Amino acid sequence: MRFCQLDRIIEITEDRIVAVRCLTLSEDYLQDHFPRFPVMPGVLMVEALFQASMFLVRHRENFENSMVVLREAKNIKFGDFVEPGHQLLINSTIKKFDTDFVTVQVKATTRSSTAVGGRMVLERYNLADREKGSVEVDDFMRMRFQRQFRLLCGPRFESTGELDVPAALSEITAV
């Protein structure tokens, strides 16, 4: 994952995650994506939904699998625009957790209206189990995503293993 579309994870449980993406005018793609009306492209909103869901799955299974990939995006519907200066509040809830696949209900809101929502099916596995990689590559990928997860959760999660949701929300709204 080269470009992270999340700025902070503000709440996470076994079945639900809430994350935030703050859009700024300094995003490179906004110079070309409707220059007179800069808005976050829909594909990046979907990517933000996927990334939040991916971290939810990884957290639930304690980063057991090195790969969590988007297999299907179903009934994705777009609503409101996300403009520079606005926050995208991302919610993902697990609906079905099978052996290899996870179905999540996803929704992102901005200014109290829905920007995008739908369902996603994620697949999870280790590369070594599919003979496409080695155990060392799997270990590296898990370590990399664990580090990124800790950075997105912030220091409150590090000390307690739980997020202080009111404190996280006040930090974000103060920005």
Protein backbone atom coordinates (compact mmCIF):
# COMPACT_ATOMS: atom_id res chain seq x y z
CA MET A 1 0.00 0.00 0.00
CA ARG A 2 1.94 2.95 -1.29
CA PHE A 3 -0.55 5.74 -0.57
CA CYS A 4 -2.41 5.65 2.70
CA GLN A 5 -5.91 7.12 2.41
CA LEU A 6 -6.45 7.23 6.19
CA ASP A 7 -5.24 9.89 8.59
CA ARG A 8 -6.37 8.36 11.88
CA ILE A 9 -8.20 5.34 13.24
CA ILE A 10 -10.46 6.70 15.96
CA GLU A 11 -12.34 3.57 17.00
CA ILE A 12 -11.85 -0.15 16.49
CA THR A 13 -13.58 -3.20 17.93
CA GLU A 14 -13.69 -6.81 16.78
CA ASP A 15 -16.42 -6.06 14.21
CA ARG A 16 -16.21 -2.31 13.50
CA ILE A 17 -13.75 0.42 12.62
CA VAL A 18 -14.12 4.18 12.36
CA ALA A 19 -11.39 6.13 10.60
CA VAL A 20 -10.90 9.66 9.29
CA ARG A 21 -9.44 11.07 6.09
CA CYS A 22 -8.91 14.85 6.04
CA LEU A 23 -8.74 16.28 2.53
CA THR A 24 -6.38 19.21 2.00
CA LEU A 25 -5.87 21.43 -1.03
CA SER A 26 -2.22 20.33 -1.16
CA GLU A 27 -3.15 16.87 -2.50
CA ASP A 28 -1.34 16.55 -5.87
CA TYR A 29 -4.27 15.03 -7.74
CA LEU A 30 -6.53 17.99 -6.90
CA GLN A 31 -4.54 20.18 -9.29
CA ASP A 32 -5.82 18.07 -12.21
CA HIS A 33 -9.07 16.58 -10.93
CA PHE A 34 -11.56 19.35 -11.75
CA PRO A 35 -9.14 22.28 -11.14
CA ARG A 36 -11.97 24.81 -10.69
CA PHE A 37 -13.97 22.42 -8.50
CA PRO A 38 -11.45 20.25 -6.62
CA VAL A 39 -13.03 17.13 -5.12
CA MET A 40 -11.73 13.78 -3.95
CA PRO A 41 -11.99 11.24 -6.79
CA GLY A 42 -14.47 8.42 -6.20
CA VAL A 43 -11.82 5.76 -6.66
CA LEU A 44 -9.83 7.24 -3.75
CA MET A 45 -12.95 7.26 -1.56
CA VAL A 46 -13.40 3.55 -2.36
CA GLU A 47 -9.71 2.98 -1.58
CA ALA A 48 -10.17 4.67 1.81
CA LEU A 49 -13.11 2.35 2.53
CA PHE A 50 -11.00 -0.66 1.56
CA GLN A 51 -8.01 0.41 3.66
CA ALA A 52 -10.14 0.88 6.77
CA SER A 53 -11.77 -2.51 6.19
CA MET A 54 -8.38 -4.13 5.62
CA PHE A 55 -7.10 -2.83 8.97
CA LEU A 56 -10.29 -4.06 10.66
CA VAL A 57 -9.72 -7.58 9.32
CA ARG A 58 -6.02 -7.52 10.22
CA HIS A 59 -6.78 -6.30 13.76
CA ARG A 60 -9.52 -8.91 14.29
CA GLU A 61 -7.19 -11.79 13.44
CA ASN A 62 -4.11 -10.26 15.08
CA PHE A 63 -2.31 -9.69 11.75
CA GLU A 64 -2.27 -13.43 11.04
CA ASN A 65 -2.40 -13.08 7.24
CA SER A 66 0.07 -11.05 5.20
CA MET A 67 -2.40 -10.34 2.39
CA VAL A 68 -5.86 -8.82 2.63
CA VAL A 69 -7.14 -7.92 -0.83
CA LEU A 70 -10.34 -6.48 -2.28
CA ARG A 71 -12.16 -9.26 -4.11
CA GLU A 72 -15.50 -7.50 -4.83
CA ALA A 73 -17.08 -4.07 -4.42
CA LYS A 74 -20.88 -4.39 -4.45
CA ASN A 75 -23.62 -1.77 -4.69
CA ILE A 76 -21.19 1.13 -4.34
CA LYS A 77 -23.21 4.32 -4.43
CA PHE A 78 -21.82 7.84 -4.40
CA GLY A 79 -23.57 10.76 -2.72
CA ASP A 80 -21.90 13.98 -1.62
CA PHE A 81 -18.61 15.50 -2.80
CA VAL A 82 -15.57 15.65 -0.53
CA GLU A 83 -13.87 19.01 -0.96
CA PRO A 84 -10.59 20.33 0.49
CA GLY A 85 -11.06 21.25 4.13
CA HIS A 86 -13.64 18.52 4.71
CA GLN A 87 -13.24 15.26 6.58
CA LEU A 88 -14.33 11.87 5.35
CA LEU A 89 -15.58 9.78 8.29
CA ILE A 90 -15.21 6.12 7.31
CA ASN A 91 -17.18 3.28 8.92
CA SER A 92 -16.74 -0.41 8.17
CA THR A 93 -18.66 -3.22 9.88
CA ILE A 94 -18.06 -6.95 9.43
CA LYS A 95 -21.22 -8.75 8.27
CA LYS A 96 -19.79 -12.18 7.43
CA PHE A 97 -16.45 -13.73 8.42
CA ASP A 98 -15.68 -16.99 6.55
CA THR A 99 -12.52 -19.07 6.26
CA ASP A 100 -11.00 -17.04 3.42
CA PHE A 101 -13.47 -14.21 2.80
CA VAL A 102 -14.88 -11.33 4.83
CA THR A 103 -17.94 -9.29 3.84
CA VAL A 104 -18.11 -5.75 5.21
CA GLN A 105 -20.70 -2.99 5.05
CA VAL A 106 -18.92 0.31 4.34
CA LYS A 107 -19.99 3.92 4.50
CA ALA A 108 -18.19 7.26 4.42
CA THR A 109 -19.82 10.53 5.38
CA THR A 110 -18.86 14.15 5.09
CA ARG A 111 -20.73 17.07 6.64
CA SER A 112 -23.37 14.62 7.94
CA SER A 113 -24.26 13.31 4.47
CA THR A 114 -23.21 10.10 2.77
CA ALA A 115 -20.30 10.47 0.35
CA VAL A 116 -20.05 6.78 -0.59
CA GLY A 117 -21.34 3.46 0.69
CA GLY A 118 -21.82 -0.18 -0.22
CA ARG A 119 -20.46 -3.64 0.51
CA MET A 120 -17.03 -5.15 -0.01
CA VAL A 121 -15.74 -8.70 -0.03
CA LEU A 122 -12.14 -9.07 1.13
CA GLU A 123 -9.96 -12.15 0.77
CA ARG A 124 -7.14 -12.93 3.18
CA TYR A 125 -4.22 -15.32 2.89
CA ASN A 126 -0.46 -15.78 3.27
CA LEU A 127 1.76 -15.81 0.21
CA ALA A 128 3.71 -18.84 1.44
CA ASP A 129 0.48 -20.85 1.62
CA ARG A 130 -0.07 -20.25 -2.08
CA GLU A 131 3.52 -20.96 -3.09
CA LYS A 132 3.89 -17.41 -4.42
CA GLY A 133 6.23 -16.17 -1.75
CA SER A 134 8.19 -17.08 1.29
CA VAL A 135 7.58 -17.00 5.01
CA GLU A 136 10.06 -14.11 5.24
CA VAL A 137 7.98 -12.01 2.83
CA ASP A 138 4.84 -12.78 4.83
CA ASP A 139 6.62 -11.79 8.07
CA PHE A 140 7.82 -8.53 6.49
CA MET A 141 4.34 -7.64 5.23
CA ARG A 142 2.73 -8.34 8.61
CA MET A 143 5.36 -6.23 10.39
CA ARG A 144 4.88 -3.36 7.93
CA PHE A 145 1.10 -3.29 8.37
CA GLN A 146 1.36 -3.60 12.17
CA ARG A 147 3.63 -0.56 12.23
CA GLN A 148 1.29 1.45 10.02
CA PHE A 149 -1.68 0.40 12.18
CA ARG A 150 0.07 1.63 15.34
CA LEU A 151 0.84 4.96 13.67
CA LEU A 152 -2.78 5.40 12.56
CA CYS A 153 -4.12 4.56 16.04
CA GLY A 154 -1.72 6.90 17.82
CA PRO A 155 -0.16 6.79 21.28
CA ARG A 156 -3.44 6.22 23.16
CA PHE A 157 -3.74 2.77 21.59
CA GLU A 158 -0.10 1.89 22.29
CA SER A 159 -0.39 2.28 26.05
CA THR A 160 -3.79 0.65 26.63
CA GLY A 161 -4.59 -1.44 23.58
CA GLU A 162 -7.88 0.48 23.34
CA LEU A 163 -8.75 3.79 21.77
CA ASP A 164 -10.09 6.73 23.76
CA VAL A 165 -12.80 7.71 21.25
CA PRO A 166 -13.80 11.11 22.76
CA ALA A 167 -10.15 12.20 22.92
CA ALA A 168 -9.51 11.01 19.36
CA LEU A 169 -12.56 12.88 18.05
CA SER A 170 -11.59 16.09 19.84
CA GLU A 171 -8.08 15.89 18.34
CA ILE A 172 -9.51 15.59 14.85
CA THR A 173 -12.15 18.29 15.16
CA ALA A 174 -9.55 20.68 16.59
CA VAL A 175 -7.54 20.48 13.35
